[in-house]
Amino acid sequence: MVELRSFAFIDQIQDQLAGYIGSTARGYYPLAGQAGFFLEVAPGIVINNITDVVFKNANVRVGAMVVERTYGMLEVHADSAAEVLQARDVVLDYLGLKESDRLKPKIMAVEIVERVDAHMLQIVNRFRAANMVKADDTIYVLEVVPASYAGYAANEAEKAADVRLLHAAVFGASGRVYLAGSTSDIQMAKTVIETALAALDGRAH
């Protein structure tokens, strides 16, 4: 039995998220403005057949495919939102599931660090894979399950607020998003992310 853990459609991939995927993933990198989705299933090994079915039946590209011990994650994108939605339908038909069979996003933790200390920003900058924290920035950290919802959350925040994407872990036991910016923009990003995640339907944890 395959569990659909997450599915999140993105109507327009934003500049920073596109660049982040391109710098961290091993696939056909997305471009800003394309549509896409993040998908997570269990058991993880099933993602191999899902990716094969997508390539054979939809005109999309895969930006990232991760096979873990427990979960499998897939990022898909295309110029046309209709093509991405066709890929979604291909996957759901293959699994015999509906989009509403996904798990709802569950926020595990949120932290905001205002005017981050200069020593701490150096630590954060050591592990980030995108932009850098600057002096007096405010940092936002989100932990969410299933993990691939982190990519959706980062994209929604970038749409609405003048924030910099530092890091987005979209696979594993939980997903994490690190953002930096002014306190007001970080607060806006927090509100947008929580509203967007709450609007996604699905099964309760």
Protein backbone atom coordinates (compact mmCIF):
# COMPACT_ATOMS: atom_id res chain seq x y z
CA MET A 1 0.00 0.00 0.00
CA VAL A 2 1.46 3.35 -1.08
CA GLU A 3 0.84 6.34 1.17
CA LEU A 4 0.52 9.75 -0.46
CA ARG A 5 2.16 11.86 2.20
CA SER A 6 2.15 15.20 0.44
CA PHE A 7 1.27 16.96 -2.78
CA ALA A 8 1.66 20.72 -3.26
CA PHE A 9 1.02 22.45 -6.58
CA ILE A 10 2.95 25.67 -7.28
CA ASP A 11 1.44 27.95 -9.92
CA GLN A 12 4.62 30.04 -10.36
CA ILE A 13 8.01 29.03 -9.05
CA GLN A 14 9.69 32.13 -7.66
CA ASP A 15 13.22 33.31 -8.50
CA GLN A 16 14.93 32.29 -5.29
CA LEU A 17 13.29 28.86 -5.03
CA ALA A 18 14.16 28.12 -8.67
CA GLY A 19 17.77 29.08 -7.99
CA TYR A 20 17.85 27.05 -4.80
CA ILE A 21 16.59 23.89 -6.50
CA GLY A 22 19.07 24.44 -9.31
CA SER A 23 21.99 24.73 -6.89
CA THR A 24 21.11 21.79 -4.64
CA ALA A 25 19.29 19.17 -6.74
CA ARG A 26 20.44 16.79 -9.46
CA GLY A 27 17.88 16.95 -12.23
CA TYR A 28 16.41 19.22 -14.89
CA TYR A 29 16.49 22.54 -13.09
CA PRO A 30 13.34 24.69 -13.02
CA LEU A 31 13.12 28.29 -14.18
CA ALA A 32 11.35 31.11 -12.41
CA GLY A 33 7.76 31.45 -13.62
CA GLN A 34 7.28 27.78 -14.38
CA ALA A 35 4.62 25.73 -12.61
CA GLY A 36 5.52 22.72 -10.53
CA PHE A 37 4.72 20.43 -7.66
CA PHE A 38 6.36 18.67 -4.73
CA LEU A 39 5.28 15.11 -3.97
CA GLU A 40 6.17 12.74 -1.14
CA VAL A 41 5.24 9.08 -0.79
CA ALA A 42 5.96 6.08 1.40
CA PRO A 43 7.62 3.66 1.00
CA GLY A 44 10.41 5.72 -0.51
CA ILE A 45 11.44 3.27 -3.21
CA VAL A 46 8.10 3.70 -5.01
CA ILE A 47 9.26 7.12 -6.20
CA ASN A 48 11.33 5.35 -8.88
CA ASN A 49 8.26 3.94 -10.65
CA ILE A 50 6.34 7.17 -10.14
CA THR A 51 9.11 9.14 -11.85
CA ASP A 52 9.17 6.67 -14.73
CA VAL A 53 5.40 6.96 -15.20
CA VAL A 54 5.62 10.76 -15.17
CA PHE A 55 8.35 10.86 -17.82
CA LYS A 56 6.43 8.47 -20.08
CA ASN A 57 3.02 10.12 -19.81
CA ALA A 58 3.47 13.85 -19.21
CA ASN A 59 5.45 16.66 -20.83
CA VAL A 60 7.28 17.78 -17.69
CA ARG A 61 10.77 17.71 -16.24
CA VAL A 62 11.95 16.42 -12.88
CA GLY A 63 14.10 18.79 -10.87
CA ALA A 64 14.75 16.48 -7.95
CA MET A 65 14.11 12.86 -7.02
CA VAL A 66 15.11 11.63 -3.57
CA VAL A 67 14.83 8.02 -2.42
CA GLU A 68 15.18 7.63 1.32
CA ARG A 69 14.81 4.65 3.62
CA THR A 70 11.26 5.66 4.52
CA TYR A 71 10.06 8.39 2.14
CA GLY A 72 10.45 9.31 -1.52
CA MET A 73 10.24 12.89 -2.81
CA LEU A 74 9.74 14.25 -6.32
CA GLU A 75 9.81 17.80 -7.73
CA VAL A 76 8.24 18.25 -11.19
CA HIS A 77 7.95 21.40 -13.32
CA ALA A 78 6.97 22.67 -16.77
CA ASP A 79 6.23 25.92 -18.59
CA SER A 80 2.51 25.14 -18.56
CA ALA A 81 0.45 24.70 -15.42
CA ALA A 82 -1.83 22.39 -17.41
CA GLU A 83 1.09 20.05 -18.12
CA VAL A 84 2.03 19.97 -14.45
CA LEU A 85 -1.56 19.17 -13.49
CA GLN A 86 -1.59 16.43 -16.11
CA ALA A 87 1.49 14.96 -14.44
CA ARG A 88 -0.36 15.12 -11.12
CA ASP A 89 -3.28 13.21 -12.62
CA VAL A 90 -0.90 10.61 -14.06
CA VAL A 91 0.62 10.04 -10.62
CA LEU A 92 -2.72 9.87 -8.84
CA ASP A 93 -4.15 7.50 -11.43
CA TYR A 94 -1.07 5.26 -11.12
CA LEU A 95 -1.44 5.19 -7.32
CA GLY A 96 -5.24 4.87 -7.40
CA LEU A 97 -5.53 7.86 -5.08
CA LYS A 98 -7.03 11.37 -4.96
CA GLU A 99 -5.25 14.60 -4.11
CA SER A 100 -7.28 14.77 -0.89
CA ASP A 101 -5.65 11.49 0.20
CA ARG A 102 -2.50 13.46 1.04
CA LEU A 103 -1.63 14.36 4.60
CA LYS A 104 -2.41 17.91 5.66
CA PRO A 105 0.67 19.97 6.45
CA LYS A 106 1.46 20.02 10.15
CA ILE A 107 3.62 22.82 11.50
CA MET A 108 5.91 21.34 14.14
CA ALA A 109 7.75 24.50 15.14
CA VAL A 110 8.23 28.14 14.19
CA GLU A 111 10.98 30.40 15.45
CA ILE A 112 11.72 34.06 14.81
CA VAL A 113 15.07 35.48 15.90
CA GLU A 114 15.08 39.26 15.72
CA ARG A 115 18.26 41.16 14.86
CA VAL A 116 20.36 38.03 14.89
CA ASP A 117 23.67 38.14 16.75
CA ALA A 118 26.77 38.47 14.56
CA HIS A 119 28.20 35.19 15.84
CA MET A 120 24.96 33.32 15.20
CA LEU A 121 24.64 34.64 11.65
CA GLN A 122 28.07 33.18 10.90
CA ILE A 123 26.86 29.78 12.11
CA VAL A 124 23.69 29.96 10.00
CA ASN A 125 25.68 31.06 6.95
CA ARG A 126 27.87 27.97 7.29
CA PHE A 127 25.02 25.56 6.47
CA ARG A 128 22.78 27.67 4.25
CA ALA A 129 22.65 26.75 0.53
CA ALA A 130 21.26 30.00 -0.86
CA ASN A 131 21.36 33.61 0.36
CA MET A 132 23.30 34.82 3.37
CA VAL A 133 22.19 36.31 6.65
CA LYS A 134 23.33 39.89 7.17
CA ALA A 135 23.88 41.92 10.30
CA ASP A 136 20.65 42.97 12.03
CA ASP A 137 18.54 40.59 9.92
CA THR A 138 15.58 38.83 11.48
CA ILE A 139 15.49 35.09 10.83
CA TYR A 140 12.42 32.89 10.42
CA VAL A 141 12.64 29.10 10.82
CA LEU A 142 9.81 26.70 9.99
CA GLU A 143 9.66 22.95 10.66
CA VAL A 144 6.82 21.13 8.88
CA VAL A 145 5.72 17.59 8.09
CA PRO A 146 5.57 16.04 5.58
CA ALA A 147 8.90 17.53 4.53
CA SER A 148 8.15 18.48 0.93
CA TYR A 149 5.62 21.10 2.05
CA ALA A 150 8.67 23.18 2.97
CA GLY A 151 9.23 23.94 -0.73
CA TYR A 152 5.64 25.12 -1.11
CA ALA A 153 5.94 27.26 2.02
CA ALA A 154 9.16 28.90 0.84
CA ASN A 155 7.62 29.75 -2.52
CA GLU A 156 4.50 31.29 -0.97
CA ALA A 157 6.63 33.43 1.33
CA GLU A 158 8.76 34.67 -1.56
CA LYS A 159 5.62 35.69 -3.47
CA ALA A 160 4.33 37.87 -0.69
CA ALA A 161 7.28 39.33 1.21
CA ASP A 162 10.70 40.82 0.58
CA VAL A 163 12.58 37.96 2.22
CA ARG A 164 15.72 36.04 1.33
CA LEU A 165 15.63 32.27 1.13
CA LEU A 166 18.53 30.80 3.08
CA HIS A 167 17.70 27.11 3.16
CA ALA A 168 14.83 24.75 2.34
CA ALA A 169 15.05 21.08 3.34
CA VAL A 170 12.27 19.36 1.37
CA PHE A 171 12.88 15.71 2.22
CA GLY A 172 13.50 13.66 5.35
CA ALA A 173 11.63 13.22 8.61
CA SER A 174 10.59 16.89 8.52
CA GLY A 175 11.01 19.88 6.24
CA ARG A 176 12.67 23.13 7.23
CA VAL A 177 12.67 26.63 5.80
CA TYR A 178 15.08 29.41 6.81
CA LEU A 179 14.28 32.97 5.71
CA ALA A 180 15.92 36.31 6.47
CA GLY A 181 14.83 39.90 6.12
CA SER A 182 13.41 42.81 8.06
CA THR A 183 11.23 42.03 11.04
CA SER A 184 8.11 43.32 9.27
CA ASP A 185 8.74 41.23 6.15
CA ILE A 186 9.49 38.14 8.22
CA GLN A 187 6.24 38.61 10.14
CA MET A 188 4.40 38.91 6.82
CA ALA A 189 6.09 35.75 5.52
CA LYS A 190 5.09 33.89 8.69
CA THR A 191 1.44 34.87 8.27
CA VAL A 192 1.43 33.95 4.56
CA ILE A 193 3.04 30.56 5.18
CA GLU A 194 0.67 29.62 7.98
CA THR A 195 -2.37 30.69 5.95
CA ALA A 196 -1.22 28.83 2.82
CA LEU A 197 -0.45 25.60 4.66
CA ALA A 198 -3.72 25.70 6.58
CA ALA A 199 -5.63 26.03 3.28
CA LEU A 200 -4.37 22.67 1.95
CA ASP A 201 -6.86 19.89 2.59
CA GLY A 202 -6.04 16.28 3.30
CA ARG A 203 -5.92 13.58 5.94
CA ALA A 204 -5.24 14.44 9.56
CA HIS A 205 -2.02 13.19 11.13
